[in-house]
């Protein structure tokens, strides 16, 4: 993964955007040497979303098997609904 300082990222945004979009490169943007955020191809972001959905589904299935449920009224109260 390519690493670039946030100050340089701003100056090179157009070029880096092309490298990510067309070259499928991943860019880690840092501030003071610490990771701040990453820029990844759209397909990678979609894959990450799909992975998160799958993990949520797996957790939900495990909770159902354990009969680990919460009453609707209690859930609404906890969520402030």
C-alpha atoms as a PDB file:
ATOM      1  CA  UNK A   1       0.000   0.000   0.000  1.00  0.00           C
ATOM      2  CA  UNK A   2       1.314   3.419  -0.929  1.00  0.00           C
ATOM      3  CA  UNK A   3       1.655   5.879   1.951  1.00  0.00           C
ATOM      4  CA  UNK A   4       1.415   9.646   1.560  1.00  0.00           C
ATOM      5  CA  UNK A   5       1.225  12.592   3.951  1.00  0.00           C
ATOM      6  CA  UNK A   6      -2.105  14.424   4.133  1.00  0.00           C
ATOM      7  CA  UNK A   7      -0.482  17.662   2.958  1.00  0.00           C
ATOM      8  CA  UNK A   8       0.888  15.916  -0.146  1.00  0.00           C
ATOM      9  CA  UNK A   9      -2.401  14.105  -0.711  1.00  0.00           C
ATOM     10  CA  UNK A  10      -4.246  17.388  -1.158  1.00  0.00           C
ATOM     11  CA  UNK A  11      -1.737  18.533  -3.770  1.00  0.00           C
ATOM     12  CA  UNK A  12      -1.795  15.232  -5.672  1.00  0.00           C
ATOM     13  CA  UNK A  13      -5.486  14.355  -5.361  1.00  0.00           C
ATOM     14  CA  UNK A  14      -6.218  14.121  -9.098  1.00  0.00           C
ATOM     15  CA  UNK A  15      -3.218  11.879  -9.809  1.00  0.00           C
ATOM     16  CA  UNK A  16      -3.851   9.690  -6.777  1.00  0.00           C
ATOM     17  CA  UNK A  17      -7.516   9.369  -7.698  1.00  0.00           C
ATOM     18  CA  UNK A  18      -6.507   8.040 -11.103  1.00  0.00           C
ATOM     19  CA  UNK A  19      -4.024   5.626  -9.561  1.00  0.00           C
ATOM     20  CA  UNK A  20      -6.735   4.272  -7.271  1.00  0.00           C
ATOM     21  CA  UNK A  21      -9.471   4.167  -9.922  1.00  0.00           C
ATOM     22  CA  UNK A  22      -7.516   2.837 -12.864  1.00  0.00           C
ATOM     23  CA  UNK A  23      -4.466   1.232 -11.275  1.00  0.00           C
ATOM     24  CA  UNK A  24      -6.412  -0.306  -8.389  1.00  0.00           C
ATOM     25  CA  UNK A  25      -3.801   1.100  -6.036  1.00  0.00           C
ATOM     26  CA  UNK A  26      -4.544   1.581  -2.338  1.00  0.00           C
ATOM     27  CA  UNK A  27      -3.359   4.782  -0.686  1.00  0.00           C
ATOM     28  CA  UNK A  28      -2.808   5.246   3.062  1.00  0.00           C
ATOM     29  CA  UNK A  29      -2.931   8.925   4.047  1.00  0.00           C
ATOM     30  CA  UNK A  30      -0.989   9.842   7.164  1.00  0.00           C
ATOM     31  CA  UNK A  31      -0.639  12.814   9.476  1.00  0.00           C
ATOM     32  CA  UNK A  32       2.480  13.082  11.603  1.00  0.00           C
ATOM     33  CA  UNK A  33       3.386   9.585  10.411  1.00  0.00           C
ATOM     34  CA  UNK A  34       0.185   8.026  11.769  1.00  0.00           C
ATOM     35  CA  UNK A  35      -2.515   6.484   9.542  1.00  0.00           C
ATOM     36  CA  UNK A  36      -5.405   8.890   9.044  1.00  0.00           C
ATOM     37  CA  UNK A  37      -7.494   7.241   6.328  1.00  0.00           C
ATOM     38  CA  UNK A  38      -7.206   5.050   3.267  1.00  0.00           C
ATOM     39  CA  UNK A  39      -8.369   5.570  -0.289  1.00  0.00           C
ATOM     40  CA  UNK A  40      -9.276   2.332  -2.021  1.00  0.00           C
ATOM     41  CA  UNK A  41     -10.855   1.369  -5.328  1.00  0.00           C
ATOM     42  CA  UNK A  42     -14.656   1.340  -5.310  1.00  0.00           C
ATOM     43  CA  UNK A  43     -14.684  -2.428  -5.789  1.00  0.00           C
ATOM     44  CA  UNK A  44     -12.630  -2.858  -2.608  1.00  0.00           C
ATOM     45  CA  UNK A  45     -15.094  -0.700  -0.663  1.00  0.00           C
ATOM     46  CA  UNK A  46     -17.981  -2.810  -1.981  1.00  0.00           C
ATOM     47  CA  UNK A  47     -16.142  -5.965  -0.919  1.00  0.00           C
ATOM     48  CA  UNK A  48     -15.619  -4.542   2.566  1.00  0.00           C
ATOM     49  CA  UNK A  49     -19.335  -3.725   2.822  1.00  0.00           C
ATOM     50  CA  UNK A  50     -20.234  -7.258   1.728  1.00  0.00           C
ATOM     51  CA  UNK A  51     -17.830  -8.697   4.306  1.00  0.00           C
ATOM     52  CA  UNK A  52     -19.365  -6.574   7.065  1.00  0.00           C
ATOM     53  CA  UNK A  53     -22.852  -7.688   6.008  1.00  0.00           C
ATOM     54  CA  UNK A  54     -21.743 -11.326   6.096  1.00  0.00           C
ATOM     55  CA  UNK A  55     -20.231 -10.918   9.549  1.00  0.00           C
ATOM     56  CA  UNK A  56     -23.450  -9.302  10.801  1.00  0.00           C
ATOM     57  CA  UNK A  57     -25.477 -12.163   9.340  1.00  0.00           C
ATOM     58  CA  UNK A  58     -23.231 -14.753  10.986  1.00  0.00           C
ATOM     59  CA  UNK A  59     -23.580 -12.999  14.361  1.00  0.00           C
ATOM     60  CA  UNK A  60     -27.358 -12.827  13.975  1.00  0.00           C
ATOM     61  CA  UNK A  61     -27.553 -16.537  13.139  1.00  0.00           C
ATOM     62  CA  UNK A  62     -25.465 -17.400  16.201  1.00  0.00           C
ATOM     63  CA  UNK A  63     -27.695 -15.241  18.403  1.00  0.00           C
ATOM     64  CA  UNK A  64     -30.795 -16.984  17.054  1.00  0.00           C
ATOM     65  CA  UNK A  65     -29.289 -20.402  17.741  1.00  0.00           C
ATOM     66  CA  UNK A  66     -28.610 -19.359  21.333  1.00  0.00           C
ATOM     67  CA  UNK A  67     -32.129 -17.942  21.515  1.00  0.00           C
ATOM     68  CA  UNK A  68     -30.346 -14.741  22.535  1.00  0.00           C
ATOM     69  CA  UNK A  69     -33.201 -12.342  21.886  1.00  0.00           C
ATOM     70  CA  UNK A  70     -34.384  -9.052  23.354  1.00  0.00           C
ATOM     71  CA  UNK A  71     -38.007  -8.058  23.794  1.00  0.00           C
ATOM     72  CA  UNK A  72     -39.127  -5.482  21.227  1.00  0.00           C
ATOM     73  CA  UNK A  73     -40.178  -2.954  23.886  1.00  0.00           C
ATOM     74  CA  UNK A  74     -36.797  -3.232  25.617  1.00  0.00           C
ATOM     75  CA  UNK A  75     -34.946  -2.845  22.312  1.00  0.00           C
ATOM     76  CA  UNK A  76     -36.961   0.259  21.415  1.00  0.00           C
ATOM     77  CA  UNK A  77     -36.210   1.785  24.806  1.00  0.00           C
ATOM     78  CA  UNK A  78     -32.473   1.039  24.559  1.00  0.00           C
ATOM     79  CA  UNK A  79     -32.332   2.481  21.036  1.00  0.00           C
ATOM     80  CA  UNK A  80     -34.374   5.529  21.978  1.00  0.00           C
ATOM     81  CA  UNK A  81     -37.160   4.744  19.519  1.00  0.00           C
END
